[in-house]
Amino acid sequence: MMTWDAATLQIVWQRLISVADEMAAVLLRTAFSSVVRESNDLACAVLTADLDLLVEYGRSVPVFTGTVAGTVRAMVEEIGRDRLEPGDVLATNDPWVGNTHLPDLTAATPVFHNGEIVAFVASICHLSDIGGASEGAFAQDIFEEGFCLPPVKLVERGTPNALIRRILARNVRVPRQVLGDVDALVAANALGVRRITAMLSDDPDLDLTEAGRRICAATESAVRTAILGIPDGSYGATVELDGFEEPKQITVTVEVAGDTMVVDYASTSGQSRYGINSGSPTLGYTRYGLACLLAPDLPNNEGALRPVTIKIPDGSLLNPDKPAALSANFPAHAIPAVLSRALLGPLPARVAAAAGTPFWVVGVRGRDDAGPFASLLCFNGGQGACEGQDGHPTLSTPSNVSNTPVEVIEAQTPLLVERKTIVRGSGGAGAWRGGDGQEVVLRSLHDEPLDIIFLTERIDHPAPGLAGGADGLPGALRIDDVPVAEPKSRTVLAPGSRILLRTPGGGGFGTP
């Protein structure tokens, strides 16, 4: 019988975190696409046998680990827990069962020990193509956005499902690249299973159910203590966004009573006709925003949300009705900023001004002698400032997605990077300045027109400052010196033409 003192709990907790970290190392080293390998658009996690989030890879994209438990629950419910066997891998990219959007694929594997499921491991990554219009915000329903894979057994008792792989390959532009990323997810999960079974073999007294209960309880206790430090009352804020067909806003009211909190998004804009709506990312970024404000030093798990009730109006930008388009769910990235704005009064040392962007995406598609190619390039704006710290330049917040390196852009696409520089002074002024954005000029070297998809934000509505800080400078997007009329849409880039991207600066904090 294990004695659960503080030291034992910490050792087990850290060992489980190391499992998620090792899974991510496998995923990063074996993935085929640059959006995973270079931009870190991935997550790995360990869940309890009851499908609660237990630990996550520390550099995971926060929205993934905020949604993964719900996605895996939905897959297990649809397929049937009693039908799971050792060596199975479940997978889906269906946003209506809790996944983020179609380009993201979630893969989950049960961990068996002595014939019983003792945990689940899960990995998520952003595929470089999922068919359809993909990535951009211009689709008007989910059917235009690409291939939707319902919950399936991607691998059954250790044998890959050949039919699923054939169907997936037939529906994407770059099947080798996509299937390579799928195999990387499977490999990451396999490593996670091996590590957890080795832990249990090394220590027969280790009870993962009890470990999970204690880990989540520790985080829940810390979050409740943090909420108790906020005076009871109602705190509200609104953030304006570019939207698509019209500007949109996210409005939140935070009600605090004792050690509990209600987060209500009533009065948020209605859902869009286009693909900027958010489903499960609303929950994921609410969880992440509150983690930063309430218990930033503790690893995330299911316990962090137990004291919190989240209310999202149906038919809104943050909870659209089926079959709304969801691919470009950028508005949800502003949730941590609006939570910071709402809780500025009681938590002035924890909040941060809005970031310039989570990241901008440029999708590049075309065909050469080797066949079709498709790549996703990421470019970050400036981080928002906070008390005691300037915002970092070109740092994705809250998405944790890295800038695509120049060498990767030029190796994987027929684009030449003519200029890439920080836009000094683009962060908002303040006692602490917002982070600066960047300017990038890309020239097409291809002898045929390229299919380009843009996904941007804060061109019309700059990142607002906080606590007297100034707004950051807005972004700019041009082709051959002409502003792009719709910066969340799709266009053709002629041979020799140039794209200029100037990402937004972050908001400043405090009176200058």
Protein backbone atom coordinates (compact mmCIF):
# COMPACT_ATOMS: atom_id res chain seq x y z
CA MET A 1 0.00 0.00 0.00
CA MET A 2 1.54 3.31 -1.07
CA THR A 3 1.92 6.10 1.46
CA TRP A 4 0.75 9.34 -0.20
CA ASP A 5 2.86 12.01 1.45
CA ALA A 6 3.69 15.27 -0.37
CA ALA A 7 6.99 13.96 -1.73
CA THR A 8 5.43 10.80 -3.16
CA LEU A 9 2.66 12.77 -4.82
CA GLN A 10 5.14 15.15 -6.40
CA ILE A 11 7.33 12.31 -7.70
CA VAL A 12 4.39 10.49 -9.29
CA TRP A 13 3.02 13.75 -10.70
CA GLN A 14 6.34 14.64 -12.32
CA ARG A 15 6.83 11.13 -13.70
CA LEU A 16 3.45 11.35 -15.41
CA ILE A 17 4.30 14.77 -16.82
CA SER A 18 7.51 13.30 -18.19
CA VAL A 19 5.44 10.69 -20.03
CA ALA A 20 3.52 13.46 -21.85
CA ASP A 21 6.78 15.29 -22.56
CA GLU A 22 8.37 12.17 -24.06
CA MET A 23 5.30 11.57 -26.20
CA ALA A 24 5.66 15.08 -27.58
CA ALA A 25 9.33 14.47 -28.35
CA VAL A 26 8.34 11.46 -30.48
CA LEU A 27 5.63 13.47 -32.23
CA LEU A 28 7.98 16.37 -32.98
CA ARG A 29 10.72 14.10 -34.32
CA THR A 30 8.54 11.91 -36.51
CA ALA A 31 5.91 14.32 -37.89
CA PHE A 32 6.14 15.09 -41.61
CA SER A 33 4.64 18.59 -41.77
CA SER A 34 6.35 21.82 -40.73
CA VAL A 35 3.27 23.08 -38.88
CA VAL A 36 3.90 20.29 -36.35
CA ARG A 37 7.71 19.99 -36.39
CA GLU A 38 8.57 23.68 -36.60
CA SER A 39 5.48 25.53 -35.37
CA ASN A 40 4.71 23.19 -32.44
CA ASP A 41 1.00 22.93 -33.30
CA LEU A 42 0.45 19.85 -31.16
CA ALA A 43 -0.38 18.51 -27.73
CA CYS A 44 0.12 15.33 -25.73
CA ALA A 45 -1.69 14.33 -22.56
CA VAL A 46 -2.37 11.54 -20.09
CA LEU A 47 -5.97 11.02 -18.94
CA THR A 48 -7.32 9.00 -16.06
CA ALA A 49 -9.25 5.79 -16.59
CA ASP A 50 -12.39 7.91 -16.04
CA LEU A 51 -11.26 10.23 -18.89
CA ASP A 52 -10.31 13.26 -16.83
CA LEU A 53 -7.28 15.28 -17.93
CA LEU A 54 -4.41 14.30 -15.65
CA VAL A 55 -1.21 15.80 -17.11
CA GLU A 56 -0.13 17.51 -20.32
CA TYR A 57 3.02 18.23 -22.29
CA GLY A 58 4.25 21.60 -21.02
CA ARG A 59 4.47 23.25 -24.46
CA SER A 60 1.15 21.95 -25.72
CA VAL A 61 -1.12 24.32 -27.60
CA PRO A 62 -3.38 25.24 -24.65
CA VAL A 63 -6.67 24.83 -26.48
CA PHE A 64 -5.86 21.20 -27.29
CA THR A 65 -5.33 20.13 -23.70
CA GLY A 66 -8.42 22.11 -22.77
CA THR A 67 -10.55 20.06 -25.16
CA VAL A 68 -8.86 16.66 -25.31
CA ALA A 69 -10.74 15.08 -22.41
CA GLY A 70 -14.11 15.93 -23.95
CA THR A 71 -13.03 14.60 -27.33
CA VAL A 72 -11.78 11.30 -25.92
CA ARG A 73 -14.92 10.91 -23.80
CA ALA A 74 -17.05 11.32 -26.92
CA MET A 75 -14.95 8.77 -28.86
CA VAL A 76 -15.12 6.19 -26.08
CA GLU A 77 -18.86 6.71 -25.68
CA GLU A 78 -19.53 6.28 -29.40
CA ILE A 79 -17.27 3.27 -29.92
CA GLY A 80 -18.00 1.62 -26.59
CA ARG A 81 -15.63 1.15 -23.67
CA ASP A 82 -16.30 -2.58 -23.64
CA ARG A 83 -15.05 -2.79 -27.26
CA LEU A 84 -11.62 -1.35 -26.45
CA GLU A 85 -8.66 -3.72 -26.53
CA PRO A 86 -4.88 -3.43 -26.08
CA GLY A 87 -3.31 -1.89 -29.18
CA ASP A 88 -6.40 0.09 -30.20
CA VAL A 89 -6.04 3.73 -31.25
CA LEU A 90 -9.17 5.87 -31.53
CA ALA A 91 -9.21 8.96 -33.72
CA THR A 92 -11.46 11.79 -34.87
CA ASN A 93 -11.30 15.31 -36.21
CA ASP A 94 -15.04 15.97 -35.77
CA PRO A 95 -15.61 19.39 -34.10
CA TRP A 96 -19.11 18.36 -33.06
CA VAL A 97 -17.77 15.69 -30.69
CA GLY A 98 -15.37 18.05 -28.95
CA ASN A 99 -12.44 18.29 -31.38
CA THR A 100 -11.20 21.81 -32.16
CA HIS A 101 -11.63 21.99 -35.96
CA LEU A 102 -11.22 19.69 -38.95
CA PRO A 103 -7.47 20.22 -39.54
CA ASP A 104 -6.73 18.96 -36.02
CA LEU A 105 -6.72 15.20 -35.47
CA THR A 106 -7.06 13.70 -31.99
CA ALA A 107 -5.73 10.16 -31.40
CA ALA A 108 -6.28 8.33 -28.10
CA THR A 109 -5.05 4.96 -26.83
CA PRO A 110 -6.24 3.03 -23.77
CA VAL A 111 -3.55 1.83 -21.38
CA PHE A 112 -4.22 -1.70 -20.10
CA HIS A 113 -2.63 -3.23 -17.01
CA ASN A 114 -3.60 -6.65 -15.68
CA GLY A 115 -6.45 -6.72 -18.16
CA GLU A 116 -8.00 -3.43 -17.02
CA ILE A 117 -7.92 0.09 -18.48
CA VAL A 118 -5.88 2.19 -16.04
CA ALA A 119 -5.40 5.35 -18.14
CA PHE A 120 -5.60 6.83 -21.62
CA VAL A 121 -2.90 8.66 -23.57
CA ALA A 122 -3.79 11.15 -26.29
CA SER A 123 -1.99 13.18 -28.93
CA ILE A 124 -3.26 15.94 -31.20
CA CYS A 125 -1.68 17.70 -34.14
CA HIS A 126 -2.66 20.07 -36.91
CA LEU A 127 -2.58 18.31 -40.27
CA SER A 128 -1.18 20.28 -43.20
CA ASP A 129 -4.28 19.53 -45.28
CA ILE A 130 -7.71 18.07 -44.69
CA GLY A 131 -9.25 18.56 -48.13
CA GLY A 132 -12.07 20.97 -48.85
CA ALA A 133 -11.44 24.71 -48.78
CA SER A 134 -9.42 24.17 -45.58
CA GLU A 135 -7.98 26.70 -43.12
CA GLY A 136 -9.51 29.92 -44.43
CA ALA A 137 -12.61 31.54 -42.97
CA PHE A 138 -14.56 31.74 -46.22
CA ALA A 139 -16.46 28.43 -45.97
CA GLN A 140 -20.11 28.81 -44.99
CA ASP A 141 -20.65 25.41 -43.42
CA ILE A 142 -18.49 22.59 -42.12
CA PHE A 143 -19.06 20.50 -45.25
CA GLU A 144 -17.04 23.01 -47.29
CA GLU A 145 -14.15 22.90 -44.83
CA GLY A 146 -12.86 19.42 -45.57
CA PHE A 147 -12.98 15.75 -44.66
CA CYS A 148 -14.63 14.87 -41.33
CA LEU A 149 -13.59 11.60 -39.70
CA PRO A 150 -16.11 10.39 -37.10
CA PRO A 151 -14.77 8.50 -34.08
CA VAL A 152 -13.15 5.33 -35.42
CA LYS A 153 -10.54 2.74 -34.54
CA LEU A 154 -7.58 4.05 -36.49
CA VAL A 155 -5.58 1.08 -35.21
CA GLU A 156 -7.24 -2.13 -34.00
CA ARG A 157 -5.28 -4.48 -31.72
CA GLY A 158 -2.06 -3.07 -33.11
CA THR A 159 -3.05 -3.33 -36.80
CA PRO A 160 -3.63 -0.09 -38.74
CA ASN A 161 -7.09 0.23 -40.27
CA ALA A 162 -6.23 0.12 -43.97
CA LEU A 163 -9.68 1.29 -45.09
CA ILE A 164 -9.62 4.40 -42.92
CA ARG A 165 -6.14 5.25 -44.19
CA ARG A 166 -7.24 4.83 -47.82
CA ILE A 167 -10.30 7.02 -47.30
CA LEU A 168 -8.25 9.71 -45.59
CA ALA A 169 -5.53 9.60 -48.25
CA ARG A 170 -8.10 9.93 -51.03
CA ASN A 171 -9.56 13.10 -49.47
CA VAL A 172 -6.41 15.19 -48.94
CA ARG A 173 -4.01 16.92 -51.31
CA VAL A 174 -0.80 15.62 -49.73
CA PRO A 175 -1.59 12.06 -48.53
CA ARG A 176 2.00 11.06 -47.77
CA GLN A 177 2.47 14.09 -45.54
CA VAL A 178 -0.87 13.67 -43.79
CA LEU A 179 -0.46 9.93 -43.21
CA GLY A 180 3.05 10.60 -41.93
CA ASP A 181 1.61 12.89 -39.28
CA VAL A 182 -1.07 10.31 -38.43
CA ASP A 183 1.65 7.70 -37.91
CA ALA A 184 3.52 10.17 -35.68
CA LEU A 185 0.43 10.45 -33.46
CA VAL A 186 0.20 6.67 -33.21
CA ALA A 187 3.91 6.41 -32.37
CA ALA A 188 3.63 9.07 -29.66
CA ASN A 189 0.74 7.22 -28.03
CA ALA A 190 2.58 3.91 -28.21
CA LEU A 191 5.47 5.47 -26.31
CA GLY A 192 3.05 6.78 -23.70
CA VAL A 193 1.54 3.32 -23.20
CA ARG A 194 4.99 1.76 -22.76
CA ARG A 195 6.07 4.36 -20.22
CA ILE A 196 2.95 4.06 -18.07
CA THR A 197 2.96 0.26 -18.07
CA ALA A 198 6.64 0.38 -17.11
CA MET A 199 5.80 2.69 -14.19
CA LEU A 200 3.19 0.24 -12.95
CA SER A 201 5.49 -2.74 -13.40
CA ASP A 202 8.28 -1.01 -11.49
CA ASP A 203 5.96 -0.09 -8.61
CA PRO A 204 3.13 -2.60 -8.12
CA ASP A 205 1.73 -0.49 -5.25
CA LEU A 206 1.13 2.50 -7.54
CA ASP A 207 -2.60 3.11 -8.00
CA LEU A 208 -3.14 5.51 -10.93
CA THR A 209 -6.75 6.09 -9.96
CA GLU A 210 -5.71 7.28 -6.52
CA ALA A 211 -2.85 9.29 -8.03
CA GLY A 212 -5.26 11.00 -10.39
CA ARG A 213 -7.68 11.78 -7.58
CA ARG A 214 -4.95 13.38 -5.48
CA ILE A 215 -3.36 15.32 -8.35
CA CYS A 216 -6.65 16.81 -9.49
CA ALA A 217 -7.66 17.54 -5.90
CA ALA A 218 -4.43 19.47 -5.30
CA THR A 219 -5.06 21.68 -8.33
CA GLU A 220 -8.72 22.14 -7.44
CA SER A 221 -7.77 23.25 -3.93
CA ALA A 222 -5.27 25.79 -5.27
CA VAL A 223 -7.84 27.21 -7.71
CA ARG A 224 -10.50 27.49 -5.00
CA THR A 225 -8.02 29.28 -2.75
CA ALA A 226 -7.23 31.73 -5.57
CA ILE A 227 -10.93 32.40 -6.18
CA LEU A 228 -11.42 33.07 -2.47
CA GLY A 229 -8.91 35.90 -2.84
CA ILE A 230 -11.23 37.70 -5.28
CA PRO A 231 -13.99 39.75 -3.61
CA ASP A 232 -17.47 38.40 -4.31
CA GLY A 233 -19.12 40.28 -7.13
CA SER A 234 -19.60 40.64 -10.88
CA TYR A 235 -16.79 41.58 -13.25
CA GLY A 236 -17.31 42.22 -16.95
CA ALA A 237 -15.45 43.20 -20.13
CA THR A 238 -15.71 43.25 -23.92
CA VAL A 239 -13.08 42.85 -26.66
CA GLU A 240 -13.65 43.96 -30.27
CA LEU A 241 -12.44 41.83 -33.20
CA ASP A 242 -12.26 42.17 -36.99
CA GLY A 243 -14.74 39.37 -37.63
CA PHE A 244 -15.40 38.49 -41.27
CA GLU A 245 -18.58 39.87 -42.79
CA GLU A 246 -18.79 42.38 -39.91
CA PRO A 247 -16.88 43.19 -36.71
CA LYS A 248 -17.52 40.86 -33.79
CA GLN A 249 -17.20 41.17 -30.05
CA ILE A 250 -16.66 38.81 -27.15
CA THR A 251 -18.35 39.86 -23.93
CA VAL A 252 -17.84 38.11 -20.60
CA THR A 253 -19.26 38.45 -17.11
CA VAL A 254 -17.42 36.72 -14.27
CA GLU A 255 -19.48 36.11 -11.14
CA VAL A 256 -17.49 35.25 -8.01
CA ALA A 257 -19.10 33.78 -4.90
CA GLY A 258 -16.85 32.29 -2.25
CA ASP A 259 -14.59 29.70 -3.85
CA THR A 260 -16.68 29.31 -7.01
CA MET A 261 -16.86 31.24 -10.27
CA VAL A 262 -19.34 31.50 -13.13
CA VAL A 263 -18.04 32.66 -16.53
CA ASP A 264 -20.89 33.83 -18.76
CA TYR A 265 -20.50 34.86 -22.40
CA ALA A 266 -23.99 36.31 -22.78
CA SER A 267 -24.08 39.34 -25.14
CA THR A 268 -21.25 37.92 -27.25
CA SER A 269 -21.89 38.40 -30.98
CA GLY A 270 -24.04 35.90 -32.81
CA GLN A 271 -22.47 33.21 -34.93
CA SER A 272 -20.94 34.14 -38.26
CA ARG A 273 -22.04 32.92 -41.67
CA TYR A 274 -18.37 32.11 -42.21
CA GLY A 275 -15.74 29.93 -40.57
CA ILE A 276 -14.67 32.14 -37.66
CA ASN A 277 -16.99 30.40 -35.19
CA SER A 278 -15.68 28.50 -32.20
CA GLY A 279 -16.99 25.32 -30.62
CA SER A 280 -14.85 23.45 -28.09
CA PRO A 281 -11.99 26.02 -28.26
CA THR A 282 -14.24 28.32 -26.20
CA LEU A 283 -13.94 25.89 -23.30
CA GLY A 284 -10.24 25.29 -23.94
CA TYR A 285 -9.26 28.95 -23.94
CA THR A 286 -11.50 29.73 -20.97
CA ARG A 287 -9.69 27.04 -19.02
CA TYR A 288 -6.31 28.37 -20.13
CA GLY A 289 -7.16 32.01 -19.42
CA LEU A 290 -8.32 31.15 -15.92
CA ALA A 291 -5.26 28.97 -15.30
CA CYS A 292 -3.04 31.97 -16.04
CA LEU A 293 -5.04 34.17 -13.67
CA LEU A 294 -5.75 31.79 -10.80
CA ALA A 295 -3.03 29.12 -10.53
CA PRO A 296 -0.31 29.81 -13.09
CA ASP A 297 2.36 27.79 -11.28
CA LEU A 298 0.44 24.52 -11.18
CA PRO A 299 0.33 22.00 -14.05
CA ASN A 300 -3.11 21.87 -15.62
CA ASN A 301 -5.58 19.05 -15.07
CA GLU A 302 -9.30 18.42 -14.62
CA GLY A 303 -9.28 19.85 -11.10
CA ALA A 304 -8.71 23.38 -12.39
CA LEU A 305 -12.24 23.63 -13.81
CA ARG A 306 -14.21 22.00 -11.00
CA PRO A 307 -14.87 25.31 -9.19
CA VAL A 308 -15.89 27.01 -12.47
CA THR A 309 -19.18 27.01 -14.38
CA ILE A 310 -19.02 28.18 -18.01
CA LYS A 311 -22.14 29.50 -19.76
CA ILE A 312 -22.13 30.07 -23.53
CA PRO A 313 -25.26 31.18 -25.41
CA ASP A 314 -26.45 28.91 -28.19
CA GLY A 315 -26.12 30.30 -31.71
CA SER A 316 -23.30 32.63 -30.70
CA LEU A 317 -19.83 33.15 -32.10
CA LEU A 318 -18.53 30.97 -29.27
CA ASN A 319 -21.19 28.24 -29.49
CA PRO A 320 -22.61 28.07 -33.02
CA ASP A 321 -25.41 25.86 -34.24
CA LYS A 322 -24.71 22.97 -36.59
CA PRO A 323 -23.47 22.84 -39.32
CA ALA A 324 -21.61 26.13 -38.86
CA ALA A 325 -18.13 26.51 -40.32
CA LEU A 326 -15.43 26.39 -37.63
CA SER A 327 -12.03 26.16 -39.27
CA ALA A 328 -10.80 29.70 -38.59
CA ASN A 329 -11.78 29.93 -34.93
CA PHE A 330 -9.52 32.90 -34.22
CA PRO A 331 -12.06 34.80 -32.06
CA ALA A 332 -11.68 32.19 -29.31
CA HIS A 333 -8.01 33.12 -29.02
CA ALA A 334 -9.13 36.48 -27.56
CA ILE A 335 -10.83 34.81 -24.57
CA PRO A 336 -7.81 35.03 -22.22
CA ALA A 337 -7.52 38.74 -23.05
CA VAL A 338 -11.17 39.47 -22.27
CA LEU A 339 -10.89 37.49 -19.01
CA SER A 340 -7.84 39.58 -18.09
CA ARG A 341 -9.74 42.78 -18.86
CA ALA A 342 -12.67 41.64 -16.70
CA LEU A 343 -10.48 40.72 -13.70
CA LEU A 344 -8.08 43.68 -13.86
CA GLY A 345 -9.50 45.14 -10.63
CA PRO A 346 -9.06 42.18 -8.30
CA LEU A 347 -6.00 40.66 -10.02
CA PRO A 348 -3.88 43.56 -11.35
CA ALA A 349 -0.60 41.66 -10.99
CA ARG A 350 -1.88 38.61 -12.91
CA VAL A 351 -3.65 40.08 -15.93
CA ALA A 352 -2.11 40.97 -19.31
CA ALA A 353 -3.03 43.25 -22.20
CA ALA A 354 -4.27 41.70 -25.43
CA ALA A 355 -1.78 40.10 -27.82
CA GLY A 356 -1.39 41.34 -31.36
CA THR A 357 -2.42 37.92 -32.63
CA PRO A 358 -2.32 34.32 -31.66
CA PHE A 359 -0.58 33.90 -35.04
CA TRP A 360 -1.26 34.63 -38.70
CA VAL A 361 -1.51 31.73 -41.13
CA VAL A 362 -0.53 31.68 -44.80
CA GLY A 363 -1.59 28.50 -46.56
CA VAL A 364 0.41 27.77 -49.72
CA ARG A 365 -0.86 25.22 -52.22
CA GLY A 366 0.11 24.32 -55.74
CA ARG A 367 1.56 21.64 -57.98
CA ASP A 368 5.04 20.89 -59.28
CA ASP A 369 6.72 18.01 -61.08
CA ALA A 370 6.46 15.84 -57.97
CA GLY A 371 2.70 16.44 -57.64
CA PRO A 372 0.55 18.56 -55.32
CA PHE A 373 2.12 20.37 -52.36
CA ALA A 374 0.57 22.16 -49.38
CA SER A 375 2.19 23.98 -46.47
CA LEU A 376 0.98 26.14 -43.59
CA LEU A 377 3.21 29.04 -42.55
CA CYS A 378 2.80 30.79 -39.19
CA PHE A 379 3.77 34.37 -38.30
CA ASN A 380 3.20 35.78 -34.82
CA GLY A 381 2.30 39.24 -33.60
CA GLY A 382 3.47 40.87 -30.37
CA GLN A 383 2.60 39.64 -26.90
CA GLY A 384 0.57 41.88 -24.62
CA ALA A 385 2.39 43.52 -21.71
CA CYS A 386 1.64 42.91 -18.04
CA GLU A 387 2.63 44.45 -14.74
CA GLY A 388 6.40 44.25 -14.43
CA GLN A 389 7.09 42.90 -17.92
CA ASP A 390 7.10 44.20 -21.47
CA GLY A 391 5.43 41.97 -24.03
CA HIS A 392 7.78 39.82 -26.06
CA PRO A 393 8.00 40.53 -29.81
CA THR A 394 6.50 38.04 -32.29
CA LEU A 395 5.33 35.62 -29.61
CA SER A 396 2.08 33.71 -30.10
CA THR A 397 -0.31 34.25 -27.22
CA PRO A 398 -2.23 32.22 -26.18
CA SER A 399 -1.67 29.59 -28.88
CA ASN A 400 2.00 28.83 -28.24
CA VAL A 401 2.60 28.30 -31.98
CA SER A 402 6.11 29.13 -33.19
CA ASN A 403 7.05 31.26 -36.19
CA THR A 404 7.90 29.20 -39.26
CA PRO A 405 11.66 29.58 -39.86
CA VAL A 406 12.86 31.20 -43.08
CA GLU A 407 14.80 28.07 -44.04
CA VAL A 408 11.67 25.93 -43.75
CA ILE A 409 9.57 28.36 -45.80
CA GLU A 410 12.11 28.35 -48.61
CA ALA A 411 12.71 24.59 -48.46
CA GLN A 412 9.06 23.54 -48.49
CA THR A 413 7.41 26.19 -50.66
CA PRO A 414 8.39 28.03 -53.88
CA LEU A 415 8.61 31.30 -51.92
CA LEU A 416 11.62 33.52 -51.34
CA VAL A 417 11.71 35.43 -48.06
CA GLU A 418 12.95 38.84 -49.19
CA ARG A 419 12.57 40.49 -45.80
CA LYS A 420 11.79 39.44 -42.25
CA THR A 421 12.19 42.05 -39.55
CA ILE A 422 10.71 43.15 -36.24
CA VAL A 423 8.53 46.27 -36.58
CA ARG A 424 10.07 48.36 -33.82
CA GLY A 425 7.59 50.47 -31.86
CA SER A 426 4.52 48.55 -33.04
CA GLY A 427 3.74 47.39 -29.50
CA GLY A 428 1.49 49.68 -27.49
CA ALA A 429 3.10 52.26 -25.19
CA GLY A 430 2.68 51.92 -21.44
CA ALA A 431 4.51 51.59 -18.17
CA TRP A 432 5.32 48.28 -19.80
CA ARG A 433 5.28 48.18 -23.61
CA GLY A 434 3.44 45.68 -25.74
CA GLY A 435 5.51 43.28 -27.83
CA ASP A 436 6.35 44.27 -31.40
CA GLY A 437 5.02 42.58 -34.51
CA GLN A 438 7.03 41.59 -37.56
CA GLU A 439 7.11 42.40 -41.26
CA VAL A 440 7.68 39.63 -43.78
CA VAL A 441 7.89 39.90 -47.56
CA LEU A 442 7.42 36.70 -49.57
CA ARG A 443 7.97 36.51 -53.33
CA SER A 444 6.68 33.67 -55.50
CA LEU A 445 9.36 31.80 -57.45
CA HIS A 446 6.83 29.37 -58.90
CA ASP A 447 6.20 29.36 -62.63
CA GLU A 448 2.47 28.82 -62.07
CA PRO A 449 -0.04 30.73 -59.91
CA LEU A 450 -0.12 29.65 -56.27
CA ASP A 451 -3.30 29.09 -54.27
CA ILE A 452 -2.94 31.23 -51.13
CA ILE A 453 -5.14 31.22 -48.03
CA PHE A 454 -4.85 33.99 -45.45
CA LEU A 455 -5.99 33.84 -41.86
CA THR A 456 -5.38 37.10 -40.01
CA GLU A 457 -6.79 39.22 -37.19
CA ARG A 458 -6.45 42.75 -35.78
CA ILE A 459 -6.07 44.60 -39.05
CA ASP A 460 -9.11 46.79 -38.32
CA HIS A 461 -9.21 46.40 -34.53
CA PRO A 462 -5.77 46.70 -32.89
CA ALA A 463 -4.86 44.87 -29.69
CA PRO A 464 -6.20 47.02 -26.84
CA GLY A 465 -3.94 48.15 -24.04
CA LEU A 466 -4.85 47.59 -20.40
CA ALA A 467 -4.75 49.68 -17.21
CA GLY A 468 -3.97 52.86 -19.18
CA GLY A 469 -1.64 51.24 -21.70
CA ALA A 470 -1.96 52.15 -25.38
CA ASP A 471 -3.21 49.90 -28.14
CA GLY A 472 -0.69 48.12 -30.34
CA LEU A 473 -0.43 49.02 -34.01
CA PRO A 474 -2.80 47.10 -36.30
CA GLY A 475 -1.55 44.63 -38.87
CA ALA A 476 -1.36 45.01 -42.64
CA LEU A 477 -1.62 42.55 -45.52
CA ARG A 478 -0.75 43.46 -49.11
CA ILE A 479 -0.06 41.81 -52.44
CA ASP A 480 2.13 43.85 -54.79
CA ASP A 481 1.57 46.90 -52.54
CA VAL A 482 -2.23 46.64 -52.80
CA PRO A 483 -4.13 45.93 -49.55
CA VAL A 484 -5.86 42.55 -49.59
CA ALA A 485 -9.58 43.27 -49.61
CA GLU A 486 -10.50 40.26 -47.48
CA PRO A 487 -7.62 39.20 -45.22
CA LYS A 488 -9.34 35.98 -44.11
CA SER A 489 -9.94 34.67 -47.59
CA ARG A 490 -8.39 32.87 -50.54
CA THR A 491 -6.52 34.37 -53.46
CA VAL A 492 -4.16 33.55 -56.34
CA LEU A 493 -0.54 34.66 -56.20
CA ALA A 494 0.90 35.22 -59.67
CA PRO A 495 4.50 34.23 -60.48
CA GLY A 496 6.87 36.92 -59.23
CA SER A 497 4.24 38.61 -57.05
CA ARG A 498 4.99 39.62 -53.45
CA ILE A 499 3.04 39.24 -50.22
CA LEU A 500 3.73 41.74 -47.43
CA LEU A 501 2.57 40.71 -43.95
CA ARG A 502 2.86 43.10 -41.01
CA THR A 503 1.59 41.40 -37.88
CA PRO A 504 -0.01 43.50 -35.12
CA GLY A 505 1.74 44.71 -32.00
CA GLY A 506 0.54 43.76 -28.51
CA GLY A 507 -1.22 46.12 -26.15
CA GLY A 508 0.69 48.11 -23.54
CA PHE A 509 0.07 47.88 -19.81
CA GLY A 510 -0.13 50.78 -17.35
CA THR A 511 -0.07 54.51 -17.94
CA PRO A 512 3.04 55.49 -19.94
